[in-house]
C-alpha atoms as a PDB file:
ATOM      1  CA  MET A   1     -30.823   9.011 177.950  1.00  0.00           C
ATOM      2  CA  SER A   2     -30.101  12.921 177.765  1.00  0.00           C
ATOM      3  CA  PRO A   3     -30.818  14.736 180.617  1.00  0.00           C
ATOM      4  CA  THR A   4     -34.472  16.027 178.670  1.00  0.00           C
ATOM      5  CA  ALA A   5     -34.846  13.241 177.633  1.00  0.00           C
ATOM      6  CA  PHE A   6     -38.158  13.044 179.879  1.00  0.00           C
ATOM      7  CA  THR A   7     -41.604  10.588 179.201  1.00  0.00           C
ATOM      8  CA  SER A   8     -44.894  10.636 180.724  1.00  0.00           C
ATOM      9  CA  GLY A   9     -45.036   9.472 184.543  1.00  0.00           C
ATOM     10  CA  VAL A  10     -41.203   9.292 184.588  1.00  0.00           C
ATOM     11  CA  ALA A  11     -40.096  12.303 186.217  1.00  0.00           C
ATOM     12  CA  SER A  12     -41.107  15.576 187.093  1.00  0.00           C
ATOM     13  CA  LEU A  13     -39.368  18.511 185.725  1.00  0.00           C
ATOM     14  CA  ARG A  14     -40.684  21.031 188.306  1.00  0.00           C
ATOM     15  CA  LEU A  15     -38.465  23.307 190.657  1.00  0.00           C
ATOM     16  CA  ARG A  16     -35.456  22.079 188.061  1.00  0.00           C
ATOM     17  CA  ARG A  17     -33.521  24.498 187.013  1.00  0.00           C
ATOM     18  CA  VAL A  18     -33.268  24.764 183.021  1.00  0.00           C
ATOM     19  CA  ARG A  19     -32.217  26.411 180.320  1.00  0.00           C
ATOM     20  CA  TYR A  20     -34.097  27.225 177.140  1.00  0.00           C
ATOM     21  CA  PRO A  21     -34.285  28.751 174.110  1.00  0.00           C
ATOM     22  CA  THR A  22     -34.913  32.559 173.286  1.00  0.00           C
ATOM     23  CA  ASP A  23     -34.732  34.463 170.096  1.00  0.00           C
ATOM     24  CA  ALA A  24     -31.578  36.043 171.950  1.00  0.00           C
ATOM     25  CA  VAL A  25     -27.934  34.994 171.098  1.00  0.00           C
ATOM     26  CA  ALA A  26     -27.913  33.241 174.432  1.00  0.00           C
ATOM     27  CA  PRO A  27     -29.759  30.758 175.922  1.00  0.00           C
ATOM     28  CA  CYS A  28     -31.863  31.773 179.289  1.00  0.00           C
ATOM     29  CA  GLU A  29     -32.325  30.314 182.527  1.00  0.00           C
ATOM     30  CA  GLY A  30     -34.802  29.732 185.150  1.00  0.00           C
ATOM     31  CA  VAL A  31     -36.826  27.414 187.166  1.00  0.00           C
ATOM     32  CA  VAL A  32     -39.795  25.204 185.608  1.00  0.00           C
ATOM     33  CA  THR A  33     -42.985  26.330 187.415  1.00  0.00           C
ATOM     34  CA  GLN A  34     -45.338  23.808 185.797  1.00  0.00           C
ATOM     35  CA  HIS A  35     -45.391  20.656 183.764  1.00  0.00           C
ATOM     36  CA  ASP A  36     -47.180  18.825 181.837  1.00  0.00           C
ATOM     37  CA  ALA A  37     -45.814  15.095 181.260  1.00  0.00           C
ATOM     38  CA  ASP A  38     -48.997  14.376 179.436  1.00  0.00           C
ATOM     39  CA  ASN A  39     -48.344  17.240 177.042  1.00  0.00           C
ATOM     40  CA  GLU A  40     -44.703  17.214 177.388  1.00  0.00           C
ATOM     41  CA  MET A  41     -44.813  21.322 178.121  1.00  0.00           C
ATOM     42  CA  VAL A  42     -42.968  23.350 180.609  1.00  0.00           C
ATOM     43  CA  THR A  43     -43.442  26.939 181.718  1.00  0.00           C
ATOM     44  CA  VAL A  44     -40.264  28.317 182.721  1.00  0.00           C
ATOM     45  CA  LEU A  45     -39.815  31.603 185.440  1.00  0.00           C
ATOM     46  CA  ASN A  46     -36.526  33.443 184.150  1.00  0.00           C
ATOM     47  CA  THR A  47     -35.114  34.473 187.846  1.00  0.00           C
ATOM     48  CA  ASN A  48     -32.941  37.671 186.171  1.00  0.00           C
ATOM     49  CA  ASP A  49     -36.543  39.175 184.555  1.00  0.00           C
ATOM     50  CA  GLY A  50     -39.313  37.661 185.859  1.00  0.00           C
ATOM     51  CA  SER A  51     -40.598  36.695 182.889  1.00  0.00           C
ATOM     52  CA  PHE A  52     -42.150  33.191 181.848  1.00  0.00           C
ATOM     53  CA  TRP A  53     -41.499  30.804 178.736  1.00  0.00           C
ATOM     54  CA  HIS A  54     -43.850  28.412 177.951  1.00  0.00           C
ATOM     55  CA  GLY A  55     -42.456  25.728 175.360  1.00  0.00           C
ATOM     56  CA  PRO A  56     -42.022  22.022 174.867  1.00  0.00           C
ATOM     57  CA  GLN A  57     -39.927  20.003 177.425  1.00  0.00           C
ATOM     58  CA  ARG A  58     -37.919  18.755 174.281  1.00  0.00           C
ATOM     59  CA  LEU A  59     -36.188  22.197 174.405  1.00  0.00           C
ATOM     60  CA  VAL A  60     -34.936  22.398 177.861  1.00  0.00           C
ATOM     61  CA  GLU A  61     -31.579  21.456 179.476  1.00  0.00           C
ATOM     62  CA  VAL A  62     -31.817  20.765 182.878  1.00  0.00           C
ATOM     63  CA  VAL A  63     -28.618  22.285 184.665  1.00  0.00           C
ATOM     64  CA  ALA A  64     -28.960  21.959 188.265  1.00  0.00           C
END
């Protein structure tokens, strides 16, 4: 199982450092502030610029 292959009720990604896709060339990193395991969605706080990204958990990669 890959580090992003979480299923509902198995594990929360909340407060995990993750890499997520952006429109930029390189992906960004941030901390998961919300994780809706039932809908498989996450909200990530970019710790560099304070912006938020919201998207499917399958697109994030746990880095720490």
